[in-house]
Amino acid sequence: MDQLELQVHGTHTVALKSLASAGYRWSAAVDNPKVVAVERLQVAARTEQPSGGNSRDELFQLTGLAAGETVIHFKQARSFERGKPAHAVYSLEVKIL
């Protein structure tokens, strides 16, 4: 599991490989939302023609709210495939100083 240290009110952007062109989206769940906030960032639309179905990375901004530790669980899945295992998962341990 990856680890990150962040100051209270500090921010950090997490970039996750996208498969949006195949219908997959990343979601995030925080064990202790009093310690860190997670916000999905909007990515500007492409101005050039995408090649080979490539999708832009999905970005999440983390903001330290209070001193402490928590884990953020990211899951990549298709919304229309409820009950199926996630295509990919990524967990990040965050310590707010």
PDB file of N, CA and C in Angstrom:
ATOM      1  N   MET A   1       0.849  -1.172   0.000  1.00  0.00           N
ATOM      2  CA  MET A   1       0.000   0.000   0.000  1.00  0.00           C
ATOM      3  C   MET A   1       0.895   1.236   0.000  1.00  0.00           C
ATOM      4  N   ASP A   2       0.603   2.159  -0.887  1.00  0.00           N
ATOM      5  CA  ASP A   2       1.364   3.406  -0.942  1.00  0.00           C
ATOM      6  C   ASP A   2       0.998   4.287   0.248  1.00  0.00           C
ATOM      7  N   GLN A   3       1.926   5.177   0.606  1.00  0.00           N
ATOM      8  CA  GLN A   3       1.721   6.082   1.732  1.00  0.00           C
ATOM      9  C   GLN A   3       1.978   7.511   1.298  1.00  0.00           C
ATOM     10  N   LEU A   4       1.276   8.432   1.952  1.00  0.00           N
ATOM     11  CA  LEU A   4       1.402   9.852   1.647  1.00  0.00           C
ATOM     12  C   LEU A   4       1.296  10.637   2.938  1.00  0.00           C
ATOM     13  N   GLU A   5       2.183  11.629   3.110  1.00  0.00           N
ATOM     14  CA  GLU A   5       2.075  12.568   4.221  1.00  0.00           C
ATOM     15  C   GLU A   5       1.628  13.902   3.657  1.00  0.00           C
ATOM     16  N   LEU A   6       0.717  14.538   4.381  1.00  0.00           N
ATOM     17  CA  LEU A   6       0.111  15.781   3.915  1.00  0.00           C
ATOM     18  C   LEU A   6      -0.123  16.684   5.121  1.00  0.00           C
ATOM     19  N   GLN A   7       0.040  17.968   4.932  1.00  0.00           N
ATOM     20  CA  GLN A   7      -0.228  18.939   5.994  1.00  0.00           C
ATOM     21  C   GLN A   7      -1.726  19.223   6.076  1.00  0.00           C
ATOM     22  N   VAL A   8      -2.184  19.659   7.249  1.00  0.00           N
ATOM     23  CA  VAL A   8      -3.563  20.130   7.378  1.00  0.00           C
ATOM     24  C   VAL A   8      -3.752  21.284   6.395  1.00  0.00           C
ATOM     25  N   HIS A   9      -4.784  21.277   5.621  1.00  0.00           N
ATOM     26  CA  HIS A   9      -5.117  22.233   4.563  1.00  0.00           C
ATOM     27  C   HIS A   9      -4.236  22.081   3.326  1.00  0.00           C
ATOM     28  N   GLY A  10      -3.291  21.156   3.364  1.00  0.00           N
ATOM     29  CA  GLY A  10      -2.463  20.880   2.186  1.00  0.00           C
ATOM     30  C   GLY A  10      -3.245  20.044   1.188  1.00  0.00           C
ATOM     31  N   THR A  11      -2.813  20.095  -0.068  1.00  0.00           N
ATOM     32  CA  THR A  11      -3.489  19.323  -1.106  1.00  0.00           C
ATOM     33  C   THR A  11      -2.486  18.468  -1.873  1.00  0.00           C
ATOM     34  N   HIS A  12      -3.004  17.421  -2.471  1.00  0.00           N
ATOM     35  CA  HIS A  12      -2.208  16.522  -3.305  1.00  0.00           C
ATOM     36  C   HIS A  12      -3.137  15.948  -4.366  1.00  0.00           C
ATOM     37  N   THR A  13      -2.660  15.838  -5.597  1.00  0.00           N
ATOM     38  CA  THR A  13      -3.467  15.278  -6.676  1.00  0.00           C
ATOM     39  C   THR A  13      -3.016  13.856  -6.980  1.00  0.00           C
ATOM     40  N   VAL A  14      -3.982  12.955  -7.041  1.00  0.00           N
ATOM     41  CA  VAL A  14      -3.736  11.558  -7.389  1.00  0.00           C
ATOM     42  C   VAL A  14      -4.253  11.344  -8.805  1.00  0.00           C
ATOM     43  N   ALA A  15      -3.400  10.816  -9.688  1.00  0.00           N
ATOM     44  CA  ALA A  15      -3.778  10.515 -11.076  1.00  0.00           C
ATOM     45  C   ALA A  15      -3.858   8.999 -11.228  1.00  0.00           C
ATOM     46  N   LEU A  16      -5.001   8.519 -11.691  1.00  0.00           N
ATOM     47  CA  LEU A  16      -5.218   7.092 -11.883  1.00  0.00           C
ATOM     48  C   LEU A  16      -5.501   6.815 -13.352  1.00  0.00           C
ATOM     49  N   LYS A  17      -4.906   5.757 -13.860  1.00  0.00           N
ATOM     50  CA  LYS A  17      -5.050   5.391 -15.273  1.00  0.00           C
ATOM     51  C   LYS A  17      -6.519   5.123 -15.588  1.00  0.00           C
ATOM     52  N   SER A  18      -7.016   5.821 -16.584  1.00  0.00           N
ATOM     53  CA  SER A  18      -8.427   5.737 -16.940  1.00  0.00           C
ATOM     54  C   SER A  18      -8.695   4.667 -17.992  1.00  0.00           C
ATOM     55  N   LEU A  19      -9.849   4.084 -17.882  1.00  0.00           N
ATOM     56  CA  LEU A  19     -10.410   3.215 -18.916  1.00  0.00           C
ATOM     57  C   LEU A  19     -11.834   3.670 -19.225  1.00  0.00           C
ATOM     58  N   ALA A  20     -12.038   4.980 -19.193  1.00  0.00           N
ATOM     59  CA  ALA A  20     -13.370   5.541 -19.410  1.00  0.00           C
ATOM     60  C   ALA A  20     -13.924   5.172 -20.773  1.00  0.00           C
ATOM     61  N   SER A  21     -13.064   5.038 -21.758  1.00  0.00           N
ATOM     62  CA  SER A  21     -13.535   4.681 -23.097  1.00  0.00           C
ATOM     63  C   SER A  21     -14.139   3.278 -23.120  1.00  0.00           C
ATOM     64  N   ALA A  22     -13.829   2.460 -22.103  1.00  0.00           N
ATOM     65  CA  ALA A  22     -14.401   1.115 -21.983  1.00  0.00           C
ATOM     66  C   ALA A  22     -15.508   1.075 -20.920  1.00  0.00           C
ATOM     67  N   GLY A  23     -15.876   2.240 -20.400  1.00  0.00           N
ATOM     68  CA  GLY A  23     -16.967   2.319 -19.439  1.00  0.00           C
ATOM     69  C   GLY A  23     -16.568   2.240 -17.984  1.00  0.00           C
ATOM     70  N   TYR A  24     -15.274   2.186 -17.684  1.00  0.00           N
ATOM     71  CA  TYR A  24     -14.810   2.095 -16.299  1.00  0.00           C
ATOM     72  C   TYR A  24     -14.563   3.484 -15.727  1.00  0.00           C
ATOM     73  N   ARG A  25     -14.944   3.664 -14.448  1.00  0.00           N
ATOM     74  CA  ARG A  25     -14.685   4.923 -13.739  1.00  0.00           C
ATOM     75  C   ARG A  25     -14.124   4.596 -12.370  1.00  0.00           C
ATOM     76  N   TRP A  26     -13.238   5.450 -11.908  1.00  0.00           N
ATOM     77  CA  TRP A  26     -12.694   5.311 -10.558  1.00  0.00           C
ATOM     78  C   TRP A  26     -13.646   5.963  -9.563  1.00  0.00           C
ATOM     79  N   SER A  27     -13.784   5.364  -8.383  1.00  0.00           N
ATOM     80  CA  SER A  27     -14.513   5.968  -7.266  1.00  0.00           C
ATOM     81  C   SER A  27     -13.601   5.881  -6.045  1.00  0.00           C
ATOM     82  N   ALA A  28     -13.898   6.688  -5.041  1.00  0.00           N
ATOM     83  CA  ALA A  28     -13.057   6.721  -3.846  1.00  0.00           C
ATOM     84  C   ALA A  28     -13.913   6.615  -2.598  1.00  0.00           C
ATOM     85  N   ALA A  29     -13.418   5.872  -1.614  1.00  0.00           N
ATOM     86  CA  ALA A  29     -14.056   5.769  -0.305  1.00  0.00           C
ATOM     87  C   ALA A  29     -12.969   6.000   0.742  1.00  0.00           C
ATOM     88  N   VAL A  30     -13.268   6.836   1.734  1.00  0.00           N
ATOM     89  CA  VAL A  30     -12.300   7.201   2.768  1.00  0.00           C
ATOM     90  C   VAL A  30     -12.719   6.554   4.087  1.00  0.00           C
ATOM     91  N   ASP A  31     -11.786   5.849   4.731  1.00  0.00           N
ATOM     92  CA  ASP A  31     -12.095   5.219   6.013  1.00  0.00           C
ATOM     93  C   ASP A  31     -12.496   6.252   7.057  1.00  0.00           C
ATOM     94  N   ASN A  32     -11.787   7.384   7.114  1.00  0.00           N
ATOM     95  CA  ASN A  32     -12.095   8.437   8.089  1.00  0.00           C
ATOM     96  C   ASN A  32     -12.189   9.776   7.367  1.00  0.00           C
ATOM     97  N   PRO A  33     -13.388  10.149   6.907  1.00  0.00           N
ATOM     98  CA  PRO A  33     -13.543  11.397   6.144  1.00  0.00           C
ATOM     99  C   PRO A  33     -13.332  12.671   6.964  1.00  0.00           C
ATOM    100  N   LYS A  34     -13.116  12.547   8.276  1.00  0.00           N
ATOM    101  CA  LYS A  34     -12.820  13.726   9.098  1.00  0.00           C
ATOM    102  C   LYS A  34     -11.357  14.137   8.952  1.00  0.00           C
ATOM    103  N   VAL A  35     -10.516  13.249   8.397  1.00  0.00           N
ATOM    104  CA  VAL A  35      -9.085  13.495   8.278  1.00  0.00           C
ATOM    105  C   VAL A  35      -8.710  14.040   6.907  1.00  0.00           C
ATOM    106  N   VAL A  36      -9.338  13.518   5.857  1.00  0.00           N
ATOM    107  CA  VAL A  36      -9.004  13.949   4.497  1.00  0.00           C
ATOM    108  C   VAL A  36     -10.267  13.983   3.639  1.00  0.00           C
ATOM    109  N   ALA A  37     -10.335  14.988   2.777  1.00  0.00           N
ATOM    110  CA  ALA A  37     -11.436  15.086   1.811  1.00  0.00           C
ATOM    111  C   ALA A  37     -10.902  14.681   0.444  1.00  0.00           C
ATOM    112  N   VAL A  38     -11.740  13.994  -0.344  1.00  0.00           N
ATOM    113  CA  VAL A  38     -11.362  13.559  -1.682  1.00  0.00           C
ATOM    114  C   VAL A  38     -12.374  14.128  -2.660  1.00  0.00           C
ATOM    115  N   GLU A  39     -11.863  14.817  -3.684  1.00  0.00           N
ATOM    116  CA  GLU A  39     -12.725  15.429  -4.691  1.00  0.00           C
ATOM    117  C   GLU A  39     -12.238  15.022  -6.077  1.00  0.00           C
ATOM    118  N   ARG A  40     -13.167  14.558  -6.905  1.00  0.00           N
ATOM    119  CA  ARG A  40     -12.840  14.241  -8.302  1.00  0.00           C
ATOM    120  C   ARG A  40     -12.656  15.564  -9.047  1.00  0.00           C
ATOM    121  N   LEU A  41     -11.569  15.680  -9.784  1.00  0.00           N
ATOM    122  CA  LEU A  41     -11.304  16.882 -10.569  1.00  0.00           C
ATOM    123  C   LEU A  41     -11.811  16.692 -11.992  1.00  0.00           C
ATOM    124  N   GLN A  42     -12.358  17.725 -12.549  1.00  0.00           N
ATOM    125  CA  GLN A  42     -12.791  17.694 -13.942  1.00  0.00           C
ATOM    126  C   GLN A  42     -11.582  17.900 -14.837  1.00  0.00           C
ATOM    127  N   VAL A  43     -11.486  17.107 -15.875  1.00  0.00           N
ATOM    128  CA  VAL A  43     -10.392  17.219 -16.823  1.00  0.00           C
ATOM    129  C   VAL A  43     -10.924  17.912 -18.070  1.00  0.00           C
ATOM    130  N   ALA A  44     -10.170  18.865 -18.574  1.00  0.00           N
ATOM    131  CA  ALA A  44     -10.595  19.583 -19.778  1.00  0.00           C
ATOM    132  C   ALA A  44     -10.771  18.607 -20.933  1.00  0.00           C
ATOM    133  N   ALA A  45     -11.735  18.891 -21.772  1.00  0.00           N
ATOM    134  CA  ALA A  45     -11.992  18.038 -22.934  1.00  0.00           C
ATOM    135  C   ALA A  45     -10.804  18.067 -23.876  1.00  0.00           C
ATOM    136  N   ARG A  46     -10.610  16.978 -24.575  1.00  0.00           N
ATOM    137  CA  ARG A  46      -9.527  16.897 -25.563  1.00  0.00           C
ATOM    138  C   ARG A  46      -9.823  17.823 -26.733  1.00  0.00           C
ATOM    139  N   THR A  47      -8.781  18.443 -27.214  1.00  0.00           N
ATOM    140  CA  THR A  47      -8.948  19.269 -28.412  1.00  0.00           C
ATOM    141  C   THR A  47      -8.519  18.501 -29.650  1.00  0.00           C
ATOM    142  N   GLU A  48      -7.714  17.463 -29.450  1.00  0.00           N
ATOM    143  CA  GLU A  48      -7.276  16.639 -30.578  1.00  0.00           C
ATOM    144  C   GLU A  48      -8.082  15.347 -30.588  1.00  0.00           C
ATOM    145  N   GLN A  49      -8.053  14.643 -31.677  1.00  0.00           N
ATOM    146  CA  GLN A  49      -8.756  13.384 -31.832  1.00  0.00           C
ATOM    147  C   GLN A  49      -8.060  12.308 -30.993  1.00  0.00           C
ATOM    148  N   PRO A  50      -8.793  11.581 -30.115  1.00  0.00           N
ATOM    149  CA  PRO A  50      -8.141  10.526 -29.345  1.00  0.00           C
ATOM    150  C   PRO A  50      -7.660   9.409 -30.256  1.00  0.00           C
ATOM    151  N   SER A  51      -6.540   8.795 -29.897  1.00  0.00           N
ATOM    152  CA  SER A  51      -5.994   7.726 -30.720  1.00  0.00           C
ATOM    153  C   SER A  51      -6.119   6.398 -30.000  1.00  0.00           C
ATOM    154  N   GLY A  52      -6.647   5.410 -30.672  1.00  0.00           N
ATOM    155  CA  GLY A  52      -6.710   4.069 -30.120  1.00  0.00           C
ATOM    156  C   GLY A  52      -7.548   3.927 -28.872  1.00  0.00           C
ATOM    157  N   GLY A  53      -8.551   4.785 -28.670  1.00  0.00           N
ATOM    158  CA  GLY A  53      -9.420   4.670 -27.510  1.00  0.00           C
ATOM    159  C   GLY A  53      -8.762   5.062 -26.204  1.00  0.00           C
ATOM    160  N   ASN A  54      -7.651   5.782 -26.276  1.00  0.00           N
ATOM    161  CA  ASN A  54      -6.981   6.208 -25.044  1.00  0.00           C
ATOM    162  C   ASN A  54      -7.865   7.178 -24.266  1.00  0.00           C
ATOM    163  N   SER A  55      -7.850   7.061 -22.953  1.00  0.00           N
ATOM    164  CA  SER A  55      -8.599   7.953 -22.084  1.00  0.00           C
ATOM    165  C   SER A  55      -7.616   8.733 -21.224  1.00  0.00           C
ATOM    166  N   ARG A  56      -7.999   9.949 -20.869  1.00  0.00           N
ATOM    167  CA  ARG A  56      -7.160  10.742 -19.967  1.00  0.00           C
ATOM    168  C   ARG A  56      -7.216  10.152 -18.573  1.00  0.00           C
ATOM    169  N   ASP A  57      -6.136  10.345 -17.801  1.00  0.00           N
ATOM    170  CA  ASP A  57      -6.125   9.885 -16.415  1.00  0.00           C
ATOM    171  C   ASP A  57      -7.262  10.548 -15.645  1.00  0.00           C
ATOM    172  N   GLU A  58      -7.779   9.837 -14.665  1.00  0.00           N
ATOM    173  CA  GLU A  58      -8.779  10.410 -13.770  1.00  0.00           C
ATOM    174  C   GLU A  58      -8.028  11.009 -12.587  1.00  0.00           C
ATOM    175  N   LEU A  59      -8.401  12.222 -12.202  1.00  0.00           N
ATOM    176  CA  LEU A  59      -7.687  12.961 -11.161  1.00  0.00           C
ATOM    177  C   LEU A  59      -8.567  13.158  -9.934  1.00  0.00           C
ATOM    178  N   PHE A  60      -7.963  12.978  -8.768  1.00  0.00           N
ATOM    179  CA  PHE A  60      -8.629  13.217  -7.496  1.00  0.00           C
ATOM    180  C   PHE A  60      -7.750  14.130  -6.670  1.00  0.00           C
ATOM    181  N   GLN A  61      -8.345  15.154  -6.064  1.00  0.00           N
ATOM    182  CA  GLN A  61      -7.592  16.053  -5.189  1.00  0.00           C
ATOM    183  C   GLN A  61      -7.875  15.685  -3.740  1.00  0.00           C
ATOM    184  N   LEU A  62      -6.806  15.469  -2.991  1.00  0.00           N
ATOM    185  CA  LEU A  62      -6.907  15.172  -1.572  1.00  0.00           C
ATOM    186  C   LEU A  62      -6.603  16.448  -0.801  1.00  0.00           C
ATOM    187  N   THR A  63      -7.380  16.721   0.238  1.00  0.00           N
ATOM    188  CA  THR A  63      -7.159  17.892   1.083  1.00  0.00           C
ATOM    189  C   THR A  63      -7.130  17.450   2.534  1.00  0.00           C
ATOM    190  N   GLY A  64      -6.046  17.785   3.240  1.00  0.00           N
ATOM    191  CA  GLY A  64      -5.933  17.447   4.654  1.00  0.00           C
ATOM    192  C   GLY A  64      -6.885  18.297   5.475  1.00  0.00           C
ATOM    193  N   LEU A  65      -7.700  17.646   6.296  1.00  0.00           N
ATOM    194  CA  LEU A  65      -8.688  18.363   7.103  1.00  0.00           C
ATOM    195  C   LEU A  65      -8.282  18.471   8.570  1.00  0.00           C
ATOM    196  N   ALA A  66      -7.687  17.394   9.101  1.00  0.00           N
ATOM    197  CA  ALA A  66      -7.301  17.365  10.514  1.00  0.00           C
ATOM    198  C   ALA A  66      -6.184  16.343  10.689  1.00  0.00           C
ATOM    199  N   ALA A  67      -5.386  16.534  11.730  1.00  0.00           N
ATOM    200  CA  ALA A  67      -4.293  15.599  12.001  1.00  0.00           C
ATOM    201  C   ALA A  67      -4.853  14.201  12.246  1.00  0.00           C
ATOM    202  N   GLY A  68      -4.162  13.215  11.703  1.00  0.00           N
ATOM    203  CA  GLY A  68      -4.586  11.839  11.889  1.00  0.00           C
ATOM    204  C   GLY A  68      -4.175  10.984  10.710  1.00  0.00           C
ATOM    205  N   GLU A  69      -4.657   9.747  10.703  1.00  0.00           N
ATOM    206  CA  GLU A  69      -4.338   8.810   9.635  1.00  0.00           C
ATOM    207  C   GLU A  69      -5.620   8.182   9.110  1.00  0.00           C
ATOM    208  N   THR A  70      -5.613   7.848   7.840  1.00  0.00           N
ATOM    209  CA  THR A  70      -6.744   7.159   7.227  1.00  0.00           C
ATOM    210  C   THR A  70      -6.270   6.446   5.976  1.00  0.00           C
ATOM    211  N   VAL A  71      -7.139   5.657   5.399  1.00  0.00           N
ATOM    212  CA  VAL A  71      -6.863   4.975   4.142  1.00  0.00           C
ATOM    213  C   VAL A  71      -7.940   5.360   3.147  1.00  0.00           C
ATOM    214  N   ILE A  72      -7.503   5.666   1.928  1.00  0.00           N
ATOM    215  CA  ILE A  72      -8.432   5.938   0.835  1.00  0.00           C
ATOM    216  C   ILE A  72      -8.413   4.723  -0.084  1.00  0.00           C
ATOM    217  N   HIS A  73      -9.593   4.204  -0.370  1.00  0.00           N
ATOM    218  CA  HIS A  73      -9.738   3.026  -1.238  1.00  0.00           C
ATOM    219  C   HIS A  73     -10.321   3.488  -2.572  1.00  0.00           C
ATOM    220  N   PHE A  74      -9.544   3.349  -3.631  1.00  0.00           N
ATOM    221  CA  PHE A  74     -10.010   3.678  -4.972  1.00  0.00           C
ATOM    222  C   PHE A  74     -10.416   2.372  -5.666  1.00  0.00           C
ATOM    223  N   LYS A  75     -11.510   2.426  -6.411  1.00  0.00           N
ATOM    224  CA  LYS A  75     -12.009   1.247  -7.109  1.00  0.00           C
ATOM    225  C   LYS A  75     -12.402   1.644  -8.529  1.00  0.00           C
ATOM    226  N   GLN A  76     -11.950   0.880  -9.511  1.00  0.00           N
ATOM    227  CA  GLN A  76     -12.293   1.134 -10.907  1.00  0.00           C
ATOM    228  C   GLN A  76     -13.295   0.070 -11.349  1.00  0.00           C
ATOM    229  N   ALA A  77     -14.493   0.521 -11.714  1.00  0.00           N
ATOM    230  CA  ALA A  77     -15.545  -0.414 -12.077  1.00  0.00           C
ATOM    231  C   ALA A  77     -16.515   0.256 -13.053  1.00  0.00           C
ATOM    232  N   ARG A  78     -17.362  -0.557 -13.634  1.00  0.00           N
ATOM    233  CA  ARG A  78     -18.432  -0.067 -14.497  1.00  0.00           C
ATOM    234  C   ARG A  78     -19.699   0.064 -13.656  1.00  0.00           C
ATOM    235  N   SER A  79     -20.371   1.209 -13.742  1.00  0.00           N
ATOM    236  CA  SER A  79     -21.565   1.444 -12.932  1.00  0.00           C
ATOM    237  C   SER A  79     -22.693   0.481 -13.277  1.00  0.00           C
ATOM    238  N   PHE A  80     -22.722  -0.020 -14.489  1.00  0.00           N
ATOM    239  CA  PHE A  80     -23.807  -0.913 -14.912  1.00  0.00           C
ATOM    240  C   PHE A  80     -23.505  -2.381 -14.624  1.00  0.00           C
ATOM    241  N   GLU A  81     -22.374  -2.676 -14.004  1.00  0.00           N
ATOM    242  CA  GLU A  81     -22.017  -4.042 -13.643  1.00  0.00           C
ATOM    243  C   GLU A  81     -21.994  -4.201 -12.121  1.00  0.00           C
ATOM    244  N   ARG A  82     -23.098  -3.870 -11.495  1.00  0.00           N
ATOM    245  CA  ARG A  82     -23.181  -3.961 -10.027  1.00  0.00           C
ATOM    246  C   ARG A  82     -23.012  -5.410  -9.584  1.00  0.00           C
ATOM    247  N   GLY A  83     -22.304  -5.571  -8.482  1.00  0.00           N
ATOM    248  CA  GLY A  83     -22.099  -6.894  -7.931  1.00  0.00           C
ATOM    249  C   GLY A  83     -20.897  -7.635  -8.503  1.00  0.00           C
ATOM    250  N   LYS A  84     -20.319  -7.127  -9.576  1.00  0.00           N
ATOM    251  CA  LYS A  84     -19.127  -7.760 -10.144  1.00  0.00           C
ATOM    252  C   LYS A  84     -17.881  -7.180  -9.463  1.00  0.00           C
ATOM    253  N   PRO A  85     -16.803  -7.959  -9.399  1.00  0.00           N
ATOM    254  CA  PRO A  85     -15.567  -7.433  -8.806  1.00  0.00           C
ATOM    255  C   PRO A  85     -15.037  -6.235  -9.595  1.00  0.00           C
ATOM    256  N   ALA A  86     -14.340  -5.367  -8.898  1.00  0.00           N
ATOM    257  CA  ALA A  86     -13.734  -4.197  -9.539  1.00  0.00           C
ATOM    258  C   ALA A  86     -12.682  -4.645 -10.541  1.00  0.00           C
ATOM    259  N   HIS A  87     -12.522  -3.854 -11.592  1.00  0.00           N
ATOM    260  CA  HIS A  87     -11.476  -4.122 -12.586  1.00  0.00           C
ATOM    261  C   HIS A  87     -10.094  -3.876 -11.975  1.00  0.00           C
ATOM    262  N   ALA A  88      -9.999  -2.824 -11.151  1.00  0.00           N
ATOM    263  CA  ALA A  88      -8.734  -2.479 -10.497  1.00  0.00           C
ATOM    264  C   ALA A  88      -9.041  -1.806  -9.162  1.00  0.00           C
ATOM    265  N   VAL A  89      -8.121  -1.949  -8.222  1.00  0.00           N
ATOM    266  CA  VAL A  89      -8.235  -1.276  -6.927  1.00  0.00           C
ATOM    267  C   VAL A  89      -6.879  -0.669  -6.584  1.00  0.00           C
ATOM    268  N   TYR A  90      -6.934   0.380  -5.775  1.00  0.00           N
ATOM    269  CA  TYR A  90      -5.705   1.052  -5.333  1.00  0.00           C
ATOM    270  C   TYR A  90      -6.006   1.667  -3.974  1.00  0.00           C
ATOM    271  N   SER A  91      -5.191   1.374  -2.991  1.00  0.00           N
ATOM    272  CA  SER A  91      -5.373   1.932  -1.652  1.00  0.00           C
ATOM    273  C   SER A  91      -4.181   2.821  -1.310  1.00  0.00           C
ATOM    274  N   LEU A  92      -4.477   3.916  -0.644  1.00  0.00           N
ATOM    275  CA  LEU A  92      -3.460   4.894  -0.281  1.00  0.00           C
ATOM    276  C   LEU A  92      -3.615   5.245   1.194  1.00  0.00           C
ATOM    277  N   GLU A  93      -2.572   4.991   1.975  1.00  0.00           N
ATOM    278  CA  GLU A  93      -2.569   5.360   3.374  1.00  0.00           C
ATOM    279  C   GLU A  93      -2.113   6.810   3.491  1.00  0.00           C
ATOM    280  N   VAL A  94      -2.924   7.637   4.154  1.00  0.00           N
ATOM    281  CA  VAL A  94      -2.629   9.073   4.236  1.00  0.00           C
ATOM    282  C   VAL A  94      -2.464   9.459   5.699  1.00  0.00           C
ATOM    283  N   LYS A  95      -1.358  10.165   5.972  1.00  0.00           N
ATOM    284  CA  LYS A  95      -1.104  10.690   7.304  1.00  0.00           C
ATOM    285  C   LYS A  95      -1.135  12.207   7.196  1.00  0.00           C
ATOM    286  N   ILE A  96      -2.019  12.826   7.975  1.00  0.00           N
ATOM    287  CA  ILE A  96      -2.135  14.287   7.996  1.00  0.00           C
ATOM    288  C   ILE A  96      -1.379  14.781   9.223  1.00  0.00           C
ATOM    289  N   LEU A  97      -0.420  15.685   8.978  1.00  0.00           N
ATOM    290  CA  LEU A  97       0.442  16.218  10.059  1.00  0.00           C
ATOM    291  C   LEU A  97      -0.082  17.540  10.564  1.00  0.00           C
TER     292      LEU A  97
END
